[in-house]
Amino acid sequence: MTVNELARAADVPPAKVRYYARRGLLPAQRAAGNGYRLFDNAALARLRFISTSRVLGFALKDIQRLLRDADLGQSPCPQVRTLLDQRVAALAAQRRALAREEARLRAIGARWAGLPDGVPDLRRLCPLVEVARGA
């Protein structure tokens, strides 16, 4: 398969195929006459694995390690489980941080509720922002 054929088969843009090939994730042969990269069905399976792993939020360095293990005949599944657990934990931490930020912003908004709108002068543009600075 050429780059475009592989991209079409995996439903990804050709630029991604080229990028992953440059990064060494998709091995290819070079066509004798024109120098085009040619990929086999194993490359299609790898590309689908890479694409799905990216959707799961895995970093390319982690995907490279998973592919390396698979190339050595070792199951990448235990690492995949670990990566997923780490991703879930990271998302939970982000959710908690966002909840704290939301609460902080709501508190600022509540303090602003009783304040009048100000007119810009030489000292400040909006007194509401000055109030928020101390929050």
C-alpha atoms as a PDB file:
ATOM      1  CA  MET A   1       0.000   0.000   0.000  1.00  0.00           C
ATOM      2  CA  THR A   2       1.155   3.526  -0.700  1.00  0.00           C
ATOM      3  CA  VAL A   3       0.885   6.299   1.886  1.00  0.00           C
ATOM      4  CA  ASN A   4      -2.466   7.382   0.505  1.00  0.00           C
ATOM      5  CA  GLU A   5      -3.837   3.844   0.335  1.00  0.00           C
ATOM      6  CA  LEU A   6      -2.746   3.123   3.901  1.00  0.00           C
ATOM      7  CA  ALA A   7      -4.232   6.402   5.107  1.00  0.00           C
ATOM      8  CA  ARG A   8      -7.526   5.644   3.396  1.00  0.00           C
ATOM      9  CA  ALA A   9      -7.628   2.104   4.821  1.00  0.00           C
ATOM     10  CA  ALA A  10      -7.017   3.401   8.356  1.00  0.00           C
ATOM     11  CA  ASP A  11      -9.192   6.499   7.941  1.00  0.00           C
ATOM     12  CA  VAL A  12      -6.401   8.923   8.840  1.00  0.00           C
ATOM     13  CA  PRO A  13      -4.870  11.804   6.898  1.00  0.00           C
ATOM     14  CA  PRO A  14      -1.844  10.910   4.755  1.00  0.00           C
ATOM     15  CA  ALA A  15       0.206  13.436   6.734  1.00  0.00           C
ATOM     16  CA  LYS A  16      -0.191  11.248   9.830  1.00  0.00           C
ATOM     17  CA  VAL A  17       1.079   8.212   7.960  1.00  0.00           C
ATOM     18  CA  ARG A  18       4.117  10.186   6.817  1.00  0.00           C
ATOM     19  CA  TYR A  19       4.709  11.551  10.325  1.00  0.00           C
ATOM     20  CA  TYR A  20       4.513   8.150  11.991  1.00  0.00           C
ATOM     21  CA  ALA A  21       6.773   6.680   9.298  1.00  0.00           C
ATOM     22  CA  ARG A  22       9.350   9.435   9.902  1.00  0.00           C
ATOM     23  CA  ARG A  23       9.195   8.707  13.638  1.00  0.00           C
ATOM     24  CA  GLY A  24       9.923   5.045  12.939  1.00  0.00           C
ATOM     25  CA  LEU A  25       6.515   3.772  14.068  1.00  0.00           C
ATOM     26  CA  LEU A  26       5.514   2.493  10.615  1.00  0.00           C
ATOM     27  CA  PRO A  27       8.178   0.519   8.799  1.00  0.00           C
ATOM     28  CA  ALA A  28       8.026   0.786   5.026  1.00  0.00           C
ATOM     29  CA  GLN A  29       9.817  -0.499   1.974  1.00  0.00           C
ATOM     30  CA  ARG A  30      10.835   1.804  -0.854  1.00  0.00           C
ATOM     31  CA  ALA A  31       9.460   1.084  -4.327  1.00  0.00           C
ATOM     32  CA  ALA A  32      12.307   0.487  -6.764  1.00  0.00           C
ATOM     33  CA  GLY A  33      11.138   2.689  -9.605  1.00  0.00           C
ATOM     34  CA  ASN A  34       9.695   5.732  -7.907  1.00  0.00           C
ATOM     35  CA  GLY A  35      10.936   5.612  -4.308  1.00  0.00           C
ATOM     36  CA  TYR A  36       7.413   5.641  -2.876  1.00  0.00           C
ATOM     37  CA  ARG A  37       6.995   4.174   0.593  1.00  0.00           C
ATOM     38  CA  LEU A  38       5.109   0.890   0.492  1.00  0.00           C
ATOM     39  CA  PHE A  39       3.354  -0.556   3.515  1.00  0.00           C
ATOM     40  CA  ASP A  40       1.990  -4.018   4.233  1.00  0.00           C
ATOM     41  CA  ASN A  41      -1.003  -5.209   6.267  1.00  0.00           C
ATOM     42  CA  ALA A  42       1.123  -5.245   9.423  1.00  0.00           C
ATOM     43  CA  ALA A  43       1.624  -1.491   8.970  1.00  0.00           C
ATOM     44  CA  LEU A  44      -2.151  -1.084   8.734  1.00  0.00           C
ATOM     45  CA  ALA A  45      -2.575  -2.928  12.045  1.00  0.00           C
ATOM     46  CA  ARG A  46       0.146  -0.761  13.613  1.00  0.00           C
ATOM     47  CA  LEU A  47      -1.443   2.424  12.293  1.00  0.00           C
ATOM     48  CA  ARG A  48      -4.833   1.448  13.695  1.00  0.00           C
ATOM     49  CA  PHE A  49      -3.165   0.625  17.023  1.00  0.00           C
ATOM     50  CA  ILE A  50      -1.393   4.000  17.036  1.00  0.00           C
ATOM     51  CA  SER A  51      -4.567   5.898  16.140  1.00  0.00           C
ATOM     52  CA  THR A  52      -6.645   4.201  18.814  1.00  0.00           C
ATOM     53  CA  SER A  53      -3.876   4.647  21.386  1.00  0.00           C
ATOM     54  CA  ARG A  54      -3.780   8.370  20.601  1.00  0.00           C
ATOM     55  CA  VAL A  55      -7.573   8.555  21.071  1.00  0.00           C
ATOM     56  CA  LEU A  56      -7.044   6.959  24.495  1.00  0.00           C
ATOM     57  CA  GLY A  57      -4.638   9.785  25.271  1.00  0.00           C
ATOM     58  CA  PHE A  58      -1.393   7.822  25.168  1.00  0.00           C
ATOM     59  CA  ALA A  59       1.748   9.791  24.360  1.00  0.00           C
ATOM     60  CA  LEU A  60       3.786   8.869  21.298  1.00  0.00           C
ATOM     61  CA  LYS A  61       6.775   7.906  23.449  1.00  0.00           C
ATOM     62  CA  ASP A  62       4.546   5.412  25.273  1.00  0.00           C
ATOM     63  CA  ILE A  63       3.173   4.082  21.985  1.00  0.00           C
ATOM     64  CA  GLN A  64       6.733   3.630  20.695  1.00  0.00           C
ATOM     65  CA  ARG A  65       7.544   1.560  23.774  1.00  0.00           C
ATOM     66  CA  LEU A  66       4.389  -0.534  23.334  1.00  0.00           C
ATOM     67  CA  LEU A  67       5.236  -1.203  19.688  1.00  0.00           C
ATOM     68  CA  ARG A  68       8.837  -2.054  20.581  1.00  0.00           C
ATOM     69  CA  ASP A  69       7.626  -4.619  23.113  1.00  0.00           C
ATOM     70  CA  ALA A  70       5.201  -6.093  20.592  1.00  0.00           C
ATOM     71  CA  ASP A  71       8.011  -6.294  18.022  1.00  0.00           C
ATOM     72  CA  LEU A  72      10.003  -8.298  20.581  1.00  0.00           C
ATOM     73  CA  GLY A  73       7.087 -10.699  21.024  1.00  0.00           C
ATOM     74  CA  GLN A  74       6.102  -9.350  24.425  1.00  0.00           C
ATOM     75  CA  SER A  75       2.508  -8.455  25.144  1.00  0.00           C
ATOM     76  CA  PRO A  76       2.041  -4.702  25.515  1.00  0.00           C
ATOM     77  CA  CYS A  77      -1.286  -5.286  27.293  1.00  0.00           C
ATOM     78  CA  PRO A  78       0.026  -4.941  30.873  1.00  0.00           C
ATOM     79  CA  GLN A  79       1.578  -1.593  29.955  1.00  0.00           C
ATOM     80  CA  VAL A  80      -1.620  -0.561  28.170  1.00  0.00           C
ATOM     81  CA  ARG A  81      -3.566  -1.246  31.366  1.00  0.00           C
ATOM     82  CA  THR A  82      -1.065   0.801  33.381  1.00  0.00           C
ATOM     83  CA  LEU A  83      -1.183   3.689  30.904  1.00  0.00           C
ATOM     84  CA  LEU A  84      -4.972   3.705  30.997  1.00  0.00           C
ATOM     85  CA  ASP A  85      -4.973   3.721  34.808  1.00  0.00           C
ATOM     86  CA  GLN A  86      -2.498   6.617  34.776  1.00  0.00           C
ATOM     87  CA  ARG A  87      -4.650   8.492  32.273  1.00  0.00           C
ATOM     88  CA  VAL A  88      -7.766   8.007  34.432  1.00  0.00           C
ATOM     89  CA  ALA A  89      -5.886   9.236  37.517  1.00  0.00           C
ATOM     90  CA  ALA A  90      -4.584  12.278  35.620  1.00  0.00           C
ATOM     91  CA  LEU A  91      -8.080  13.130  34.403  1.00  0.00           C
ATOM     92  CA  ALA A  92      -9.448  12.804  37.945  1.00  0.00           C
ATOM     93  CA  ALA A  93      -6.737  15.193  39.198  1.00  0.00           C
ATOM     94  CA  GLN A  94      -7.559  17.644  36.400  1.00  0.00           C
ATOM     95  CA  ARG A  95     -11.250  17.419  37.259  1.00  0.00           C
ATOM     96  CA  ARG A  96     -10.495  18.230  40.916  1.00  0.00           C
ATOM     97  CA  ALA A  97      -8.274  21.165  39.890  1.00  0.00           C
ATOM     98  CA  LEU A  98     -10.987  22.470  37.564  1.00  0.00           C
ATOM     99  CA  ALA A  99     -13.581  22.168  40.331  1.00  0.00           C
ATOM    100  CA  ARG A 100     -11.353  24.223  42.645  1.00  0.00           C
ATOM    101  CA  GLU A 101     -10.865  26.852  39.940  1.00  0.00           C
ATOM    102  CA  GLU A 102     -14.597  26.948  39.255  1.00  0.00           C
ATOM    103  CA  ALA A 103     -15.321  27.465  42.964  1.00  0.00           C
ATOM    104  CA  ARG A 104     -12.739  30.256  43.134  1.00  0.00           C
ATOM    105  CA  LEU A 105     -14.225  32.025  40.115  1.00  0.00           C
ATOM    106  CA  ARG A 106     -17.779  31.615  41.426  1.00  0.00           C
ATOM    107  CA  ALA A 107     -16.685  33.185  44.736  1.00  0.00           C
ATOM    108  CA  ILE A 108     -15.203  36.135  42.868  1.00  0.00           C
ATOM    109  CA  GLY A 109     -18.416  36.472  40.851  1.00  0.00           C
ATOM    110  CA  ALA A 110     -20.451  36.430  44.071  1.00  0.00           C
ATOM    111  CA  ARG A 111     -18.305  39.245  45.502  1.00  0.00           C
ATOM    112  CA  TRP A 112     -18.799  41.224  42.311  1.00  0.00           C
ATOM    113  CA  ALA A 113     -22.590  40.849  42.491  1.00  0.00           C
ATOM    114  CA  GLY A 114     -22.957  43.738  44.943  1.00  0.00           C
ATOM    115  CA  LEU A 115     -20.370  46.017  43.374  1.00  0.00           C
ATOM    116  CA  PRO A 116     -21.147  48.758  40.874  1.00  0.00           C
ATOM    117  CA  ASP A 117     -19.558  48.894  37.453  1.00  0.00           C
ATOM    118  CA  GLY A 118     -16.751  51.397  37.439  1.00  0.00           C
ATOM    119  CA  VAL A 119     -15.674  53.947  34.912  1.00  0.00           C
ATOM    120  CA  PRO A 120     -12.083  53.692  33.676  1.00  0.00           C
ATOM    121  CA  ASP A 121      -9.759  56.324  35.066  1.00  0.00           C
ATOM    122  CA  LEU A 122      -6.002  56.820  35.285  1.00  0.00           C
ATOM    123  CA  ARG A 123      -5.645  54.352  38.168  1.00  0.00           C
ATOM    124  CA  ARG A 124      -7.704  51.420  36.953  1.00  0.00           C
ATOM    125  CA  LEU A 125      -9.736  50.220  34.037  1.00  0.00           C
ATOM    126  CA  CYS A 126     -12.268  48.108  35.909  1.00  0.00           C
ATOM    127  CA  PRO A 127     -12.504  47.978  39.707  1.00  0.00           C
ATOM    128  CA  LEU A 128     -13.915  44.451  39.518  1.00  0.00           C
ATOM    129  CA  VAL A 129     -10.562  43.148  38.321  1.00  0.00           C
ATOM    130  CA  GLU A 130      -8.850  44.950  41.190  1.00  0.00           C
ATOM    131  CA  VAL A 131     -11.135  43.120  43.622  1.00  0.00           C
ATOM    132  CA  ALA A 132     -10.267  39.820  41.958  1.00  0.00           C
ATOM    133  CA  ARG A 133      -6.550  40.429  42.399  1.00  0.00           C
ATOM    134  CA  GLY A 134      -6.867  39.849  46.116  1.00  0.00           C
ATOM    135  CA  ALA A 135      -8.745  36.576  45.615  1.00  0.00           C
END
